[in-house]
């Protein structure tokens, strides 16, 4: 066994779900609790004094350097601290990064952590109170940045009304439905059944936020507590960001694990990792029911690990919305009857913004330890944009850990031009009907002009929106006028 092989030795998941939120911890304290739990999980609290790098996943708070607050609190003031760019891919990208540094003998121990307190923050706001923010008020230099924040939408997309994940992923969902030739009813039944499987995992997961069992019928049926958000997605099909979590992963070298006396049964080896991204603007994608970026990053990761998808025992596929899960499953050839989450997914386990995949990796590590089977984590950021993948095992890799950025392969695929001033006949390729609490609000429609360029349009015609949720409008012809409005009969 290579003494420089990177190995995960500890994972920590801290859930703060309080009836009395006036005693809630602020965000960096949630991360600190998770870091301490991870060290306890490794059976070696003393390692907290030897951290070389502390990487914190960017979140919905204003700490200039939360890693510095945590590192000093746990006893590692010497740690080099980083703060990542935004994106659900970042936890896996960070684990991949520190694995490379450990293998290259540049560091020995690294911590990846993240946390959010959206639940308590919102509850406190209703009481006219605020979450503690002592850490944000401390004078600290900014952490070393990790990654780059790149806009995930253009001014044209935003001006056209296409700028929220709840919109874009629902748009993708319609394209998947049409590609499979499904009726609205059959399609909604299928994705509700998929989500029922996620719910079952969450119910059995002590760390999950939503512990209430839900059937497929419960999930797909709109109700006052489960309203329609972006057709065909009810609230329970959307990522649930109203959670308080801290998560942490501790990675070190085999040599360091041995010198610290960390039991071999705690070790889980990263075998391979990949990164890549689709076009940053969703409107430039060739189509919405396929993803070369997902396919290339995922399949290349399996190739590097010398495995097929069927040799993976546990997997967590990024689950912000059903369309994301389906894109990954379809592109990687994952059997439709497989369990594809170790947490219960972002709607039921909970989606602590960009740090969810810390929990996905932690839960996968726990499952690997229990069964000895291999694991796979597929992380996602943006609108099925940024991808990061990792293969894990309780056994050391036959070849040294390897990480590959597959961007050159992804970039070989052509992009679609966008018509920002469309006029004339167009064919509908995808759509969603967005809802307010009072009902249908606007239909967002992606069309293809006669020359192949994409045009984004919308309508608030109530009769048409109702019809679009009952009949298939993809493939129909529409007329776009000079002012950008669309003419389409219900």
Protein backbone atom coordinates (compact mmCIF):
# COMPACT_ATOMS: atom_id res chain seq x y z
CA UNK A 1 0.00 0.00 0.00
CA UNK A 2 1.40 3.39 -1.04
CA UNK A 3 2.01 5.42 2.11
CA UNK A 4 1.01 8.58 0.22
CA UNK A 5 -2.39 7.20 -0.82
CA UNK A 6 -5.16 9.57 0.32
CA UNK A 7 -7.75 8.08 2.62
CA UNK A 8 -10.92 9.42 4.23
CA UNK A 9 -10.69 8.65 7.93
CA UNK A 10 -13.52 10.65 9.43
CA UNK A 11 -16.89 12.11 8.46
CA UNK A 12 -19.22 14.25 10.52
CA UNK A 13 -22.84 15.33 10.06
CA UNK A 14 -24.38 17.76 12.52
CA UNK A 15 -28.10 18.55 12.35
CA UNK A 16 -29.56 21.49 14.26
CA UNK A 17 -33.35 21.13 14.32
CA UNK A 18 -34.59 23.09 17.29
CA UNK A 19 -38.06 23.88 18.59
CA UNK A 20 -36.58 26.94 20.29
CA UNK A 21 -34.40 28.59 17.64
CA UNK A 22 -33.30 31.35 20.01
CA UNK A 23 -30.49 29.01 21.07
CA UNK A 24 -29.42 28.20 17.50
CA UNK A 25 -25.75 28.14 16.61
CA UNK A 26 -24.48 30.32 13.81
CA UNK A 27 -23.19 28.71 10.62
CA UNK A 28 -19.47 28.37 11.35
CA UNK A 29 -20.30 26.79 14.69
CA UNK A 30 -22.34 24.13 12.87
CA UNK A 31 -19.28 23.43 10.73
CA UNK A 32 -17.08 23.28 13.81
CA UNK A 33 -19.40 20.75 15.43
CA UNK A 34 -19.25 18.63 12.28
CA UNK A 35 -15.44 18.81 12.20
CA UNK A 36 -15.27 17.61 15.79
CA UNK A 37 -17.70 14.79 14.99
CA UNK A 38 -15.52 13.77 12.04
CA UNK A 39 -12.46 13.55 14.28
CA UNK A 40 -14.46 11.47 16.77
CA UNK A 41 -15.59 9.29 13.87
CA UNK A 42 -11.93 8.66 13.05
CA UNK A 43 -11.40 7.71 16.68
CA UNK A 44 -8.69 10.36 16.89
CA UNK A 45 -9.72 13.76 18.29
CA UNK A 46 -6.05 14.69 18.54
CA UNK A 47 -5.75 14.99 14.76
CA UNK A 48 -7.57 18.32 15.07
CA UNK A 49 -4.27 19.89 16.12
CA UNK A 50 -2.48 18.79 12.93
CA UNK A 51 -4.70 20.09 10.13
CA UNK A 52 -2.72 21.38 7.14
CA UNK A 53 -5.63 22.68 5.07
CA UNK A 54 -9.20 23.67 5.94
CA UNK A 55 -11.48 24.12 2.93
CA UNK A 56 -14.90 25.67 3.53
CA UNK A 57 -17.65 25.44 0.93
CA UNK A 58 -19.04 28.88 0.03
CA UNK A 59 -22.46 29.55 1.51
CA UNK A 60 -25.24 31.99 2.32
CA UNK A 61 -23.34 33.92 4.98
CA UNK A 62 -20.67 36.62 5.11
CA UNK A 63 -17.66 35.19 6.90
CA UNK A 64 -14.46 36.33 5.17
CA UNK A 65 -12.63 33.26 6.46
CA UNK A 66 -14.81 30.76 8.34
CA UNK A 67 -12.06 28.17 8.09
CA UNK A 68 -9.81 30.39 10.25
CA UNK A 69 -12.49 30.58 12.94
CA UNK A 70 -12.89 26.79 12.92
CA UNK A 71 -9.18 25.96 12.69
CA UNK A 72 -8.28 28.16 15.65
CA UNK A 73 -11.18 26.84 17.70
CA UNK A 74 -10.25 23.17 17.19
CA UNK A 75 -6.53 23.69 17.78
CA UNK A 76 -4.96 24.09 14.32
CA UNK A 77 -4.07 27.79 13.98
CA UNK A 78 -1.37 26.79 11.47
CA UNK A 79 -3.90 25.46 8.94
CA UNK A 80 -4.05 27.13 5.55
CA UNK A 81 -7.68 28.13 5.05
CA UNK A 82 -9.68 28.31 1.82
CA UNK A 83 -13.15 29.51 0.88
CA UNK A 84 -14.64 28.01 -2.27
CA UNK A 85 -16.68 29.48 -5.07
CA UNK A 86 -20.39 28.68 -5.14
CA UNK A 87 -21.62 25.40 -6.60
CA UNK A 88 -22.93 22.01 -5.56
CA UNK A 89 -19.92 20.43 -7.26
CA UNK A 90 -17.50 22.07 -4.84
CA UNK A 91 -17.43 19.46 -2.02
CA UNK A 92 -16.36 16.69 -4.39
CA UNK A 93 -13.95 19.04 -6.17
CA UNK A 94 -12.36 19.89 -2.81
CA UNK A 95 -11.98 16.26 -1.80
CA UNK A 96 -10.42 15.56 -5.19
CA UNK A 97 -8.04 18.52 -4.76
CA UNK A 98 -6.75 17.52 -1.34
CA UNK A 99 -6.33 13.92 -2.50
CA UNK A 100 -3.97 15.15 -5.22
CA UNK A 101 -2.02 17.25 -2.73
CA UNK A 102 -1.70 14.37 -0.28
CA UNK A 103 -0.54 12.01 -3.02
CA UNK A 104 2.06 14.61 -4.07
CA UNK A 105 3.35 14.79 -0.48
CA UNK A 106 2.40 18.47 -0.17
CA UNK A 107 0.04 18.04 2.81
CA UNK A 108 -0.86 15.29 5.29
CA UNK A 109 -4.26 16.20 6.74
CA UNK A 110 -7.08 18.21 5.17
CA UNK A 111 -10.63 19.03 6.22
CA UNK A 112 -13.50 19.86 3.87
CA UNK A 113 -16.44 21.42 5.66
CA UNK A 114 -19.56 23.47 5.06
CA UNK A 115 -22.79 24.45 6.72
CA UNK A 116 -25.97 26.48 6.59
CA UNK A 117 -28.60 27.63 9.08
CA UNK A 118 -31.42 28.72 6.78
CA UNK A 119 -34.10 27.07 8.91
CA UNK A 120 -33.18 28.85 12.16
CA UNK A 121 -32.41 32.11 10.37
CA UNK A 122 -35.90 32.21 8.84
CA UNK A 123 -37.60 31.18 12.09
CA UNK A 124 -35.74 33.89 13.99
CA UNK A 125 -36.65 36.50 11.38
CA UNK A 126 -40.35 35.80 12.00
CA UNK A 127 -39.70 36.51 15.69
CA UNK A 128 -37.97 39.77 14.86
CA UNK A 129 -34.61 38.25 15.86
CA UNK A 130 -31.37 37.36 14.11
CA UNK A 131 -29.06 34.37 14.06
CA UNK A 132 -25.84 35.01 16.03
CA UNK A 133 -23.12 36.35 13.76
CA UNK A 134 -20.16 36.73 16.07
CA UNK A 135 -17.86 35.12 13.53
CA UNK A 136 -18.86 37.53 10.77
CA UNK A 137 -18.01 40.47 13.01
CA UNK A 138 -14.45 39.34 13.73
CA UNK A 139 -11.75 41.15 11.80
CA UNK A 140 -10.20 38.54 9.55
CA UNK A 141 -8.35 38.66 6.27
CA UNK A 142 -10.19 36.90 3.44
CA UNK A 143 -9.49 33.19 3.03
CA UNK A 144 -7.58 31.96 0.01
CA UNK A 145 -10.18 31.56 -2.75
CA UNK A 146 -10.74 28.12 -4.26
CA UNK A 147 -12.47 28.02 -7.63
CA UNK A 148 -14.06 30.85 -9.55
CA UNK A 149 -17.57 32.25 -9.37
CA UNK A 150 -18.86 32.32 -12.94
CA UNK A 151 -22.37 33.58 -13.77
CA UNK A 152 -24.72 30.70 -14.62
CA UNK A 153 -27.08 32.88 -16.67
CA UNK A 154 -26.90 35.66 -19.22
CA UNK A 155 -28.64 39.01 -19.12
CA UNK A 156 -30.84 37.81 -21.98
CA UNK A 157 -31.89 34.66 -20.09
CA UNK A 158 -32.71 36.69 -16.99
CA UNK A 159 -34.59 39.36 -18.93
CA UNK A 160 -36.60 36.57 -20.58
CA UNK A 161 -37.60 35.25 -17.16
CA UNK A 162 -35.31 32.18 -17.08
CA UNK A 163 -33.03 32.49 -14.06
CA UNK A 164 -34.13 30.20 -11.20
CA UNK A 165 -33.26 26.52 -10.65
CA UNK A 166 -36.95 25.83 -10.03
CA UNK A 167 -37.58 27.04 -13.58
CA UNK A 168 -34.68 25.57 -15.51
CA UNK A 169 -34.77 22.04 -14.09
CA UNK A 170 -38.54 21.88 -14.63
CA UNK A 171 -37.90 22.98 -18.20
CA UNK A 172 -35.43 20.10 -18.60
CA UNK A 173 -38.05 17.74 -17.18
CA UNK A 174 -40.46 18.43 -20.02
CA UNK A 175 -37.78 17.64 -22.59
CA UNK A 176 -37.08 14.32 -20.86
CA UNK A 177 -40.81 13.51 -20.90
CA UNK A 178 -41.08 14.22 -24.61
CA UNK A 179 -37.90 12.27 -25.46
CA UNK A 180 -39.43 9.18 -23.82
CA UNK A 181 -42.80 9.63 -25.52
CA UNK A 182 -44.61 9.68 -22.18
CA UNK A 183 -48.01 11.16 -21.44
CA UNK A 184 -48.22 13.76 -18.71
CA UNK A 185 -49.84 11.25 -16.36
CA UNK A 186 -47.37 8.43 -17.00
CA UNK A 187 -44.48 10.82 -16.67
CA UNK A 188 -45.65 12.30 -13.38
CA UNK A 189 -46.29 8.81 -11.99
CA UNK A 190 -42.78 7.71 -12.92
CA UNK A 191 -40.92 10.64 -11.39
CA UNK A 192 -43.10 10.47 -8.27
CA UNK A 193 -42.17 6.80 -7.91
CA UNK A 194 -38.50 7.74 -8.30
CA UNK A 195 -38.88 10.30 -5.53
CA UNK A 196 -40.72 7.82 -3.30
CA UNK A 197 -37.53 5.78 -3.33
CA UNK A 198 -35.54 8.80 -2.17
CA UNK A 199 -38.04 9.45 0.60
CA UNK A 200 -37.67 5.87 1.89
CA UNK A 201 -33.91 6.34 2.24
CA UNK A 202 -34.42 9.65 4.07
CA UNK A 203 -36.91 8.11 6.50
CA UNK A 204 -34.30 5.51 7.44
CA UNK A 205 -31.46 8.05 7.71
CA UNK A 206 -31.04 9.48 11.23
CA UNK A 207 -29.37 12.58 9.78
CA UNK A 208 -32.21 13.43 7.37
CA UNK A 209 -34.39 16.50 7.83
CA UNK A 210 -37.72 15.16 6.51
CA UNK A 211 -38.58 11.92 8.28
CA UNK A 212 -42.23 11.64 7.24
CA UNK A 213 -42.98 8.74 4.84
CA UNK A 214 -44.47 9.86 1.52
CA UNK A 215 -45.94 7.70 -1.20
CA UNK A 216 -45.64 8.53 -4.88
CA UNK A 217 -49.24 9.71 -4.76
CA UNK A 218 -48.45 12.04 -1.85
CA UNK A 219 -45.43 13.42 -3.70
CA UNK A 220 -47.12 14.16 -7.02
CA UNK A 221 -50.43 15.49 -5.66
CA UNK A 222 -50.60 19.23 -5.17
CA UNK A 223 -52.05 20.32 -1.83
CA UNK A 224 -51.82 23.30 0.54
CA UNK A 225 -48.72 21.73 2.13
CA UNK A 226 -47.29 20.45 -1.16
CA UNK A 227 -48.15 23.12 -3.69
CA UNK A 228 -47.17 23.07 -7.34
CA UNK A 229 -44.00 25.10 -7.89
CA UNK A 230 -42.86 24.61 -11.48
CA UNK A 231 -44.92 22.07 -13.38
CA UNK A 232 -44.59 19.10 -13.08
CA UNK A 233 -42.79 19.64 -9.76
CA UNK A 234 -44.63 19.95 -6.49
CA UNK A 235 -42.83 21.37 -3.47
CA UNK A 236 -41.66 17.91 -2.39
CA UNK A 237 -39.84 17.49 -5.72
CA UNK A 238 -37.76 20.62 -5.09
CA UNK A 239 -34.55 20.82 -3.09
CA UNK A 240 -35.33 21.79 0.51
CA UNK A 241 -32.91 24.52 1.55
CA UNK A 242 -34.72 25.29 4.83
CA UNK A 243 -32.36 23.23 6.93
CA UNK A 244 -29.56 23.70 9.49
CA UNK A 245 -26.56 21.45 8.87
CA UNK A 246 -22.86 21.21 9.33
CA UNK A 247 -20.85 18.60 7.46
CA UNK A 248 -17.18 17.64 7.43
CA UNK A 249 -14.79 15.19 5.79
CA UNK A 250 -11.26 14.50 7.01
CA UNK A 251 -8.72 13.20 4.48
CA UNK A 252 -5.15 12.23 5.22
CA UNK A 253 -2.34 10.05 3.90
CA UNK A 254 -2.10 6.38 4.76
CA UNK A 255 1.19 7.20 6.46
CA UNK A 256 -0.44 9.82 8.66
CA UNK A 257 -3.41 7.57 9.46
CA UNK A 258 -1.01 4.87 10.59
CA UNK A 259 1.10 7.23 12.70
CA UNK A 260 -2.04 8.54 14.41
CA UNK A 261 -3.23 5.01 15.10
CA UNK A 262 -6.50 5.42 13.21
CA UNK A 263 -8.18 2.04 12.94
CA UNK A 264 -8.10 0.47 9.48
CA UNK A 265 -11.85 -0.11 9.58
CA UNK A 266 -12.38 3.68 9.39
CA UNK A 267 -10.43 4.08 6.15
CA UNK A 268 -12.19 4.67 2.83
CA UNK A 269 -10.00 5.23 -0.23
CA UNK A 270 -10.82 7.68 -3.03
CA UNK A 271 -9.94 5.76 -6.22
CA UNK A 272 -10.62 8.27 -8.99
CA UNK A 273 -12.20 11.65 -9.66
CA UNK A 274 -13.21 13.80 -12.61
CA UNK A 275 -14.36 17.35 -13.24
CA UNK A 276 -15.93 19.18 -16.18
CA UNK A 277 -18.72 21.55 -17.08
CA UNK A 278 -21.38 22.04 -19.71
CA UNK A 279 -21.89 25.44 -21.31
CA UNK A 280 -22.35 27.94 -18.50
CA UNK A 281 -25.45 29.27 -20.25
CA UNK A 282 -28.19 26.65 -20.37
CA UNK A 283 -29.68 28.27 -23.47
CA UNK A 284 -26.60 27.26 -25.46
CA UNK A 285 -27.05 23.52 -24.85
CA UNK A 286 -27.83 21.45 -27.91
CA UNK A 287 -30.88 19.93 -26.18
CA UNK A 288 -32.24 19.54 -22.67
CA UNK A 289 -32.76 15.78 -22.39
CA UNK A 290 -29.10 14.83 -22.81
CA UNK A 291 -25.86 15.98 -21.20
CA UNK A 292 -22.45 15.26 -22.74
CA UNK A 293 -20.85 16.88 -19.67
CA UNK A 294 -22.55 14.44 -17.29
CA UNK A 295 -21.83 11.48 -19.56
CA UNK A 296 -18.15 12.26 -20.05
CA UNK A 297 -17.34 13.13 -16.43
CA UNK A 298 -19.18 10.10 -15.06
CA UNK A 299 -17.98 7.47 -17.51
CA UNK A 300 -14.40 8.73 -17.40
CA UNK A 301 -14.44 8.43 -13.61
CA UNK A 302 -15.50 4.78 -13.86
CA UNK A 303 -12.79 4.15 -16.46
CA UNK A 304 -10.11 5.65 -14.21
CA UNK A 305 -11.28 3.42 -11.36
CA UNK A 306 -11.37 0.37 -13.65
CA UNK A 307 -15.02 -0.28 -12.84
CA UNK A 308 -18.38 -0.46 -14.52
CA UNK A 309 -21.44 1.24 -13.10
CA UNK A 310 -22.84 -2.20 -12.16
CA UNK A 311 -19.84 -2.82 -9.88
CA UNK A 312 -20.80 0.13 -7.69
CA UNK A 313 -22.72 -0.83 -4.58
CA UNK A 314 -23.67 2.60 -3.25
CA UNK A 315 -24.25 5.80 -5.14
CA UNK A 316 -25.49 9.28 -4.50
CA UNK A 317 -26.57 11.12 -7.64
CA UNK A 318 -27.17 14.83 -7.21
CA UNK A 319 -30.88 15.21 -6.60
CA UNK A 320 -31.90 18.87 -6.53
CA UNK A 321 -34.76 17.99 -8.91
CA UNK A 322 -35.87 14.77 -10.63
CA UNK A 323 -34.54 15.92 -14.01
CA UNK A 324 -30.98 16.09 -12.66
CA UNK A 325 -31.16 12.52 -11.34
CA UNK A 326 -32.63 11.25 -14.61
CA UNK A 327 -29.96 12.97 -16.70
CA UNK A 328 -27.25 11.27 -14.67
CA UNK A 329 -28.95 7.88 -14.68
CA UNK A 330 -29.64 7.99 -18.40
CA UNK A 331 -26.17 9.16 -19.38
CA UNK A 332 -24.36 6.62 -17.18
CA UNK A 333 -26.65 3.68 -17.90
CA UNK A 334 -27.87 3.31 -14.33
CA UNK A 335 -30.71 0.81 -14.04
CA UNK A 336 -34.03 2.56 -13.32
CA UNK A 337 -34.75 0.26 -10.37
CA UNK A 338 -31.52 1.10 -8.51
CA UNK A 339 -31.34 3.06 -5.28
CA UNK A 340 -29.34 6.14 -6.26
CA UNK A 341 -29.03 8.05 -2.99
CA UNK A 342 -27.28 7.36 0.29
CA UNK A 343 -28.80 10.36 2.07
CA UNK A 344 -32.41 10.59 0.86
CA UNK A 345 -31.71 13.46 -1.52
CA UNK A 346 -31.95 17.23 -1.37
CA UNK A 347 -35.78 17.38 -1.02
CA UNK A 348 -35.96 14.95 1.93
CA UNK A 349 -32.52 14.74 3.51
CA UNK A 350 -32.26 18.47 2.92
CA UNK A 351 -30.21 20.71 0.69
CA UNK A 352 -27.81 22.90 2.69
CA UNK A 353 -27.00 24.91 -0.44
CA UNK A 354 -23.56 24.19 -1.88
CA UNK A 355 -22.45 21.84 0.92
CA UNK A 356 -24.99 19.02 0.36
CA UNK A 357 -22.41 16.74 -1.28
CA UNK A 358 -20.36 16.73 1.92
CA UNK A 359 -23.28 14.76 3.37
CA UNK A 360 -23.51 12.62 0.24
CA UNK A 361 -19.85 11.64 0.57
CA UNK A 362 -20.18 11.14 4.33
CA UNK A 363 -23.24 8.90 3.94
CA UNK A 364 -21.53 6.96 1.16
CA UNK A 365 -18.46 6.48 3.36
CA UNK A 366 -20.70 5.13 6.13
CA UNK A 367 -22.36 2.72 3.70
CA UNK A 368 -19.02 1.51 2.34
CA UNK A 369 -17.73 0.84 5.84
CA UNK A 370 -20.82 -1.18 6.65
CA UNK A 371 -20.93 -3.34 3.52
CA UNK A 372 -17.48 -3.24 1.96
CA UNK A 373 -19.05 -2.34 -1.40
CA UNK A 374 -17.70 0.44 -3.61
CA UNK A 375 -19.33 3.85 -3.82
CA UNK A 376 -19.87 6.61 -6.37
CA UNK A 377 -20.80 10.24 -5.80
CA UNK A 378 -21.91 12.55 -8.63
CA UNK A 379 -21.93 16.23 -7.67
CA UNK A 380 -23.58 18.97 -9.69
CA UNK A 381 -23.61 22.76 -9.74
CA UNK A 382 -25.55 25.35 -11.70
CA UNK A 383 -28.19 24.11 -14.13
CA UNK A 384 -26.75 20.61 -14.70
CA UNK A 385 -23.65 22.66 -15.48
CA UNK A 386 -20.65 21.90 -13.25
CA UNK A 387 -19.88 18.22 -12.65
CA UNK A 388 -17.53 16.53 -10.17
CA UNK A 389 -17.42 12.77 -9.64
CA UNK A 390 -15.66 10.40 -7.27
CA UNK A 391 -15.31 6.63 -6.78
CA UNK A 392 -14.64 5.31 -3.27
CA UNK A 393 -13.77 1.94 -1.72
CA UNK A 394 -12.75 0.35 1.57
CA UNK A 395 -9.89 -1.28 -0.35
CA UNK A 396 -6.88 0.65 -1.68
CA UNK A 397 -6.80 1.31 -5.43
CA UNK A 398 -4.73 -0.94 -7.67
CA UNK A 399 -3.32 2.20 -9.27
CA UNK A 400 -2.64 5.50 -7.48
CA UNK A 401 -5.56 7.88 -7.11
CA UNK A 402 -6.07 9.89 -10.26
CA UNK A 403 -8.12 12.97 -11.05
CA UNK A 404 -8.81 14.17 -14.59
CA UNK A 405 -10.42 17.33 -15.90
CA UNK A 406 -12.35 16.20 -18.96
CA UNK A 407 -13.17 19.67 -20.27
CA UNK A 408 -11.38 19.22 -23.61
CA UNK A 409 -13.66 16.27 -24.43
CA UNK A 410 -16.80 18.18 -23.44
CA UNK A 411 -15.77 21.19 -25.50
CA UNK A 412 -15.80 19.10 -28.66
CA UNK A 413 -19.60 19.18 -28.61
CA UNK A 414 -21.20 22.07 -30.52
CA UNK A 415 -23.27 24.78 -28.87
CA UNK A 416 -26.57 26.18 -30.06
CA UNK A 417 -26.95 29.83 -31.00
CA UNK A 418 -29.59 31.93 -29.27
CA UNK A 419 -31.90 34.31 -31.10
CA UNK A 420 -32.29 37.26 -28.74
CA UNK A 421 -34.76 39.10 -31.00
CA UNK A 422 -36.91 36.27 -32.37
CA UNK A 423 -39.78 36.83 -34.76
CA UNK A 424 -41.77 34.34 -36.81
CA UNK A 425 -42.56 30.65 -36.69
CA UNK A 426 -40.91 28.43 -34.08
CA UNK A 427 -41.25 24.91 -32.71
CA UNK A 428 -41.71 24.34 -28.97
CA UNK A 429 -38.95 22.13 -27.52
CA UNK A 430 -39.54 22.46 -23.77
CA UNK A 431 -41.67 24.34 -21.26
CA UNK A 432 -42.80 24.65 -17.69
CA UNK A 433 -45.67 26.42 -15.99
CA UNK A 434 -44.52 28.33 -12.93
CA UNK A 435 -46.91 28.71 -10.03
CA UNK A 436 -47.34 31.24 -7.27
CA UNK A 437 -49.24 30.30 -4.12
CA UNK A 438 -52.40 31.32 -5.96
CA UNK A 439 -51.98 29.16 -9.05
CA UNK A 440 -50.39 29.27 -12.52
CA UNK A 441 -48.31 32.39 -12.95
CA UNK A 442 -46.33 32.12 -16.20
CA UNK A 443 -45.41 29.53 -18.79
CA UNK A 444 -41.73 29.64 -19.71
CA UNK A 445 -41.21 28.20 -23.18
CA UNK A 446 -38.07 27.29 -25.08
CA UNK A 447 -38.49 27.16 -28.85
CA UNK A 448 -36.37 26.51 -31.91
CA UNK A 449 -36.56 28.91 -34.82
CA UNK A 450 -36.49 27.68 -38.41
CA UNK A 451 -32.72 28.28 -38.62
CA UNK A 452 -32.08 26.16 -35.49
CA UNK A 453 -31.48 29.04 -33.12
CA UNK A 454 -33.12 28.88 -29.70
CA UNK A 455 -35.67 31.48 -28.61
CA UNK A 456 -36.91 31.93 -25.04
CA UNK A 457 -40.45 33.23 -24.63
CA UNK A 458 -43.23 33.26 -22.04
CA UNK A 459 -46.97 33.71 -21.63
CA UNK A 460 -49.39 34.33 -18.78
CA UNK A 461 -52.48 33.19 -20.71
CA UNK A 462 -54.44 31.23 -18.08
CA UNK A 463 -56.29 28.99 -20.54
CA UNK A 464 -53.08 28.13 -22.36
CA UNK A 465 -51.18 27.39 -19.14
CA UNK A 466 -53.92 25.01 -18.01
CA UNK A 467 -53.90 23.26 -21.37
CA UNK A 468 -50.09 22.92 -21.34
CA UNK A 469 -50.31 20.93 -18.11
CA UNK A 470 -52.86 18.54 -19.61
CA UNK A 471 -51.72 18.12 -23.22
CA UNK A 472 -48.31 17.82 -24.85
CA UNK A 473 -47.27 21.10 -26.44
CA UNK A 474 -43.72 20.13 -27.31
CA UNK A 475 -43.42 19.78 -31.07
CA UNK A 476 -46.19 22.27 -31.76
CA UNK A 477 -45.66 25.37 -33.87
CA UNK A 478 -45.93 28.81 -32.35
CA UNK A 479 -45.70 32.33 -33.76
CA UNK A 480 -43.40 34.79 -32.02
CA UNK A 481 -44.17 38.44 -32.59
CA UNK A 482 -41.71 41.33 -32.75
CA UNK A 483 -42.31 42.24 -29.10
CA UNK A 484 -41.40 38.72 -27.99
CA UNK A 485 -44.92 37.51 -27.21
CA UNK A 486 -46.06 34.10 -28.38
CA UNK A 487 -49.22 33.16 -30.22
CA UNK A 488 -50.39 29.65 -29.51
CA UNK A 489 -53.88 28.21 -29.34
CA UNK A 490 -54.95 26.25 -26.25
